[in-house]
Amino acid sequence: MLQDCIQATLSKWFATMPPTLETELPVTLDCSIPEETEPITAEEREELKVSVKIFLSDWDCSFIRSAVEMACHSLGVSQLDSVIIAPPPLPDGDNQTLEHLQPLWAELEGLVRSKKVTAIGTSDLDKTLLEQLYNWAQVKPSSNQVNLASCCVMPPDLTAFAKEFDIQLLTHNDPKELISATAFQEAVQESTQDQQVADWSLEWVLRYSLIVKSRGIIKSKGYLVHAKKSNL
């Protein structure tokens, strides 16, 4: 459970810090545990596919670049092989539209052009929306994740469209909201003595997988989490 992972990581990190830090957290915390995230060596890089999925908590496009840059830095690579975007949840009754996706996708296209990312993909788009995005986009989606909790089999129209335009259909079982704001704040509070947890807001979560190309197995996986403390 992601909440437990965040709490455990913060607790382990705080155990290495001066006790005075826990009473009042600074605006910026770089909570990294080096042995938990080993950079990829130059020898390993050719053998590994670095795949990530970014879960956004807000429609701020700059979060995408921030997540990609942090992933590259943490993993010791100059480029990610695949990035899938999961837009923030919409209010009940609202449906995702092309207008929602366009700014996010434009940011991803910029990362492809600057060679920070090789391939970009989407999640939970039906055939109509995937087709609209494909027709509009300059850099075409290479994949689309489908949540099998909402449909037991791939919709035939989506399958046919993806096959025609060489879009890989993948499955996932991620919840609509990977971790709620409340759950994140609870994790912070449980691992620190900071009582102002409501000041902390989650911006994005990135999940990475390092896949051995020749064997198709996952060598390692993990999460990067970015949150901000308001200045109020």
Protein backbone atom coordinates (compact mmCIF):
# COMPACT_ATOMS: atom_id res chain seq x y z
CA MET A 1 0.00 0.00 0.00
CA LEU A 2 1.48 3.33 -1.07
CA GLN A 3 0.49 5.11 2.14
CA ASP A 4 2.46 2.56 4.17
CA CYS A 5 5.46 2.90 1.84
CA ILE A 6 5.49 6.69 2.22
CA GLN A 7 5.18 6.44 5.98
CA ALA A 8 7.97 3.84 6.23
CA THR A 9 10.30 5.85 3.98
CA LEU A 10 9.73 9.08 5.89
CA SER A 11 10.24 7.31 9.22
CA LYS A 12 13.48 5.72 8.03
CA TRP A 13 14.71 9.02 6.62
CA PHE A 14 13.85 11.00 9.75
CA ALA A 15 15.76 8.46 11.85
CA THR A 16 18.95 9.72 10.17
CA MET A 17 18.14 13.41 10.70
CA PRO A 18 18.72 15.72 13.71
CA PRO A 19 15.78 15.53 16.19
CA THR A 20 15.11 19.27 15.83
CA LEU A 21 14.08 18.79 12.19
CA GLU A 22 10.93 16.86 13.11
CA THR A 23 9.38 19.68 15.11
CA GLU A 24 9.14 22.06 12.17
CA LEU A 25 9.61 20.74 8.68
CA PRO A 26 11.17 23.03 6.06
CA VAL A 27 9.30 23.86 2.85
CA THR A 28 11.47 21.48 0.82
CA LEU A 29 12.37 17.94 1.88
CA ASP A 30 14.53 15.63 -0.20
CA CYS A 31 13.72 12.31 1.44
CA SER A 32 15.88 9.83 -0.42
CA ILE A 33 17.28 6.57 0.85
CA PRO A 34 20.21 5.78 -1.49
CA GLU A 35 20.24 2.02 -0.98
CA GLU A 36 16.55 1.84 -1.95
CA THR A 37 17.10 3.43 -5.37
CA GLU A 38 20.30 2.28 -7.02
CA PRO A 39 21.26 4.26 -10.14
CA ILE A 40 21.49 2.25 -13.33
CA THR A 41 25.07 1.69 -14.47
CA ALA A 42 26.18 2.38 -18.05
CA GLU A 43 26.69 -1.36 -18.57
CA GLU A 44 23.14 -2.15 -17.45
CA ARG A 45 21.38 0.58 -19.42
CA GLU A 46 21.32 -1.20 -22.79
CA GLU A 47 19.78 -4.27 -21.19
CA LEU A 48 17.00 -2.45 -19.35
CA LYS A 49 13.76 -0.77 -20.36
CA VAL A 50 12.91 2.09 -18.02
CA SER A 51 9.13 2.48 -17.90
CA VAL A 52 7.21 4.94 -15.73
CA LYS A 53 3.63 5.96 -15.04
CA ILE A 54 2.91 9.42 -13.67
CA PHE A 55 -0.17 9.94 -11.50
CA LEU A 56 -1.05 13.62 -11.37
CA SER A 57 -2.97 15.24 -8.52
CA ASP A 58 -3.45 18.49 -10.43
CA TRP A 59 -3.68 19.70 -14.04
CA ASP A 60 -0.39 21.62 -13.75
CA CYS A 61 1.62 20.55 -16.82
CA SER A 62 4.94 21.44 -15.18
CA PHE A 63 4.46 18.46 -12.85
CA ILE A 64 5.13 16.12 -15.79
CA ARG A 65 8.55 17.58 -16.56
CA SER A 66 9.39 17.70 -12.86
CA ALA A 67 8.52 14.01 -12.48
CA VAL A 68 10.51 12.95 -15.55
CA GLU A 69 13.58 14.94 -14.49
CA MET A 70 13.46 13.53 -10.97
CA ALA A 71 13.13 9.98 -12.32
CA CYS A 72 16.12 10.45 -14.63
CA HIS A 73 18.19 11.87 -11.76
CA SER A 74 17.17 9.18 -9.25
CA LEU A 75 17.74 6.30 -11.65
CA GLY A 76 20.92 7.71 -13.19
CA VAL A 77 19.66 7.80 -16.79
CA SER A 78 19.42 10.54 -19.40
CA GLN A 79 16.25 9.21 -21.03
CA LEU A 80 13.14 7.22 -20.08
CA ASP A 81 11.99 4.56 -22.53
CA SER A 82 8.28 4.89 -21.82
CA VAL A 83 6.07 7.36 -19.95
CA ILE A 84 2.35 6.78 -19.37
CA ILE A 85 0.26 9.63 -18.01
CA ALA A 86 -2.64 9.25 -15.58
CA PRO A 87 -4.53 12.57 -15.37
CA PRO A 88 -6.01 13.68 -12.04
CA PRO A 89 -9.46 12.34 -11.13
CA LEU A 90 -12.39 14.44 -12.32
CA PRO A 91 -15.39 15.31 -10.15
CA ASP A 92 -18.19 12.75 -10.23
CA GLY A 93 -20.32 13.21 -13.31
CA ASP A 94 -17.57 14.87 -15.38
CA ASN A 95 -16.07 13.06 -18.35
CA GLN A 96 -12.53 13.44 -19.61
CA THR A 97 -12.28 15.27 -22.94
CA LEU A 98 -9.60 16.02 -25.50
CA GLU A 99 -9.41 19.56 -24.10
CA HIS A 100 -8.38 18.10 -20.73
CA LEU A 101 -5.62 16.02 -22.31
CA GLN A 102 -4.16 18.48 -24.82
CA PRO A 103 -1.98 20.55 -22.43
CA LEU A 104 -0.65 17.42 -20.72
CA TRP A 105 0.10 15.74 -24.02
CA ALA A 106 1.85 18.83 -25.40
CA GLU A 107 4.19 18.71 -22.39
CA LEU A 108 4.93 15.04 -23.08
CA GLU A 109 5.61 15.82 -26.74
CA GLY A 110 8.16 18.42 -25.66
CA LEU A 111 9.95 15.80 -23.58
CA VAL A 112 10.09 13.47 -26.59
CA ARG A 113 11.55 16.24 -28.76
CA SER A 114 14.18 17.02 -26.14
CA LYS A 115 15.03 13.29 -26.01
CA LYS A 116 14.17 12.91 -22.33
CA VAL A 117 11.50 10.35 -23.25
CA THR A 118 11.30 7.84 -26.11
CA ALA A 119 7.63 6.79 -26.15
CA ILE A 120 4.51 8.24 -24.52
CA GLY A 121 1.21 6.60 -23.65
CA THR A 122 -2.20 7.14 -22.10
CA SER A 123 -4.44 5.37 -19.64
CA ASP A 124 -8.15 4.60 -19.56
CA LEU A 125 -9.07 6.21 -22.86
CA ASP A 126 -12.00 4.72 -24.77
CA LYS A 127 -11.87 4.36 -28.54
CA THR A 128 -13.46 7.74 -29.24
CA LEU A 129 -11.09 9.73 -27.03
CA LEU A 130 -8.02 7.76 -28.08
CA GLU A 131 -8.88 8.41 -31.73
CA GLN A 132 -9.37 12.13 -31.06
CA LEU A 133 -6.01 12.34 -29.30
CA TYR A 134 -4.28 10.33 -32.03
CA ASN A 135 -5.62 12.58 -34.77
CA TRP A 136 -4.68 15.77 -32.89
CA ALA A 137 -1.28 14.77 -31.54
CA GLN A 138 1.99 15.38 -33.34
CA VAL A 139 3.71 12.64 -31.34
CA LYS A 140 1.29 9.73 -31.44
CA PRO A 141 0.47 7.62 -28.37
CA SER A 142 2.37 4.34 -28.44
CA SER A 143 0.22 2.66 -25.78
CA ASN A 144 -3.05 2.90 -23.87
CA GLN A 145 -3.65 1.23 -20.52
CA VAL A 146 -7.07 -0.25 -19.84
CA ASN A 147 -8.40 -0.97 -16.37
CA LEU A 148 -9.90 -4.46 -16.46
CA ALA A 149 -11.84 -3.71 -13.29
CA SER A 150 -14.15 -1.57 -15.43
CA CYS A 151 -14.31 -4.00 -18.36
CA CYS A 152 -13.57 -7.71 -18.21
CA VAL A 153 -12.47 -7.85 -21.84
CA MET A 154 -10.99 -5.27 -24.19
CA PRO A 155 -13.73 -3.38 -26.07
CA PRO A 156 -13.70 -4.62 -29.69
CA ASP A 157 -13.75 -1.11 -31.19
CA LEU A 158 -10.75 -0.08 -29.07
CA THR A 159 -8.89 -3.26 -29.99
CA ALA A 160 -9.52 -2.72 -33.71
CA PHE A 161 -8.40 0.93 -33.61
CA ALA A 162 -5.26 0.13 -31.64
CA LYS A 163 -4.32 -2.67 -34.03
CA GLU A 164 -4.83 -0.46 -37.09
CA PHE A 165 -2.61 2.34 -35.73
CA ASP A 166 -0.05 0.20 -33.92
CA ILE A 167 -0.99 1.28 -30.39
CA GLN A 168 -0.17 -1.26 -27.71
CA LEU A 169 -3.05 -2.02 -25.35
CA LEU A 170 -1.94 -2.79 -21.79
CA THR A 171 -3.93 -3.70 -18.69
CA HIS A 172 -3.69 -2.27 -15.19
CA ASN A 173 -5.54 -2.43 -11.89
CA ASP A 174 -4.68 1.00 -10.45
CA PRO A 175 -7.46 2.79 -8.57
CA LYS A 176 -8.77 6.07 -9.99
CA GLU A 177 -6.93 7.88 -7.19
CA LEU A 178 -3.66 6.19 -6.28
CA ILE A 179 -3.52 7.89 -2.88
CA SER A 180 -5.91 10.50 -1.50
CA ALA A 181 -4.81 13.81 -0.02
CA THR A 182 -6.05 12.63 3.37
CA ALA A 183 -4.11 9.36 3.20
CA PHE A 184 -0.94 11.21 2.22
CA GLN A 185 -1.30 13.66 5.10
CA GLU A 186 -1.88 10.77 7.49
CA ALA A 187 1.37 9.17 6.31
CA VAL A 188 3.24 12.42 6.94
CA GLN A 189 1.71 12.85 10.37
CA GLU A 190 2.41 9.27 11.44
CA SER A 191 6.09 9.54 10.55
CA THR A 192 6.81 13.04 11.87
CA GLN A 193 5.83 15.34 14.70
CA ASP A 194 4.69 18.05 12.28
CA GLN A 195 1.12 18.96 13.25
CA GLN A 196 0.65 21.18 10.19
CA VAL A 197 0.11 18.26 7.81
CA ALA A 198 -2.80 20.04 6.13
CA ASP A 199 -0.20 22.42 4.69
CA TRP A 200 1.28 19.58 2.65
CA SER A 201 -0.30 18.81 -0.72
CA LEU A 202 0.58 15.90 -2.97
CA GLU A 203 1.49 17.00 -6.51
CA TRP A 204 2.40 13.77 -8.27
CA VAL A 205 3.41 10.14 -7.81
CA LEU A 206 5.66 8.35 -10.29
CA ARG A 207 5.93 4.57 -10.41
CA TYR A 208 8.91 3.15 -12.23
CA SER A 209 9.77 -0.33 -13.47
CA LEU A 210 13.14 -1.52 -14.73
CA ILE A 211 12.52 -4.39 -17.13
CA VAL A 212 15.21 -6.75 -18.44
CA LYS A 213 14.58 -6.60 -22.20
CA SER A 214 15.90 -10.04 -23.09
CA ARG A 215 13.89 -11.86 -20.42
CA GLY A 216 10.83 -9.65 -19.96
CA ILE A 217 11.16 -9.69 -16.18
CA ILE A 218 11.08 -6.76 -13.75
CA LYS A 219 14.51 -6.17 -12.19
CA SER A 220 13.22 -3.55 -9.77
CA LYS A 221 10.37 -1.12 -9.25
CA GLY A 222 9.47 1.68 -6.92
CA TYR A 223 7.81 5.04 -6.41
CA LEU A 224 8.88 8.67 -6.42
CA VAL A 225 6.52 11.06 -4.63
CA HIS A 226 6.46 14.85 -4.82
CA ALA A 227 4.56 17.08 -2.40
CA LYS A 228 4.69 20.75 -1.51
CA LYS A 229 4.17 22.64 1.71
CA SER A 230 2.23 25.87 1.38
CA ASN A 231 3.86 29.07 2.60
CA LEU A 232 0.75 30.22 4.45
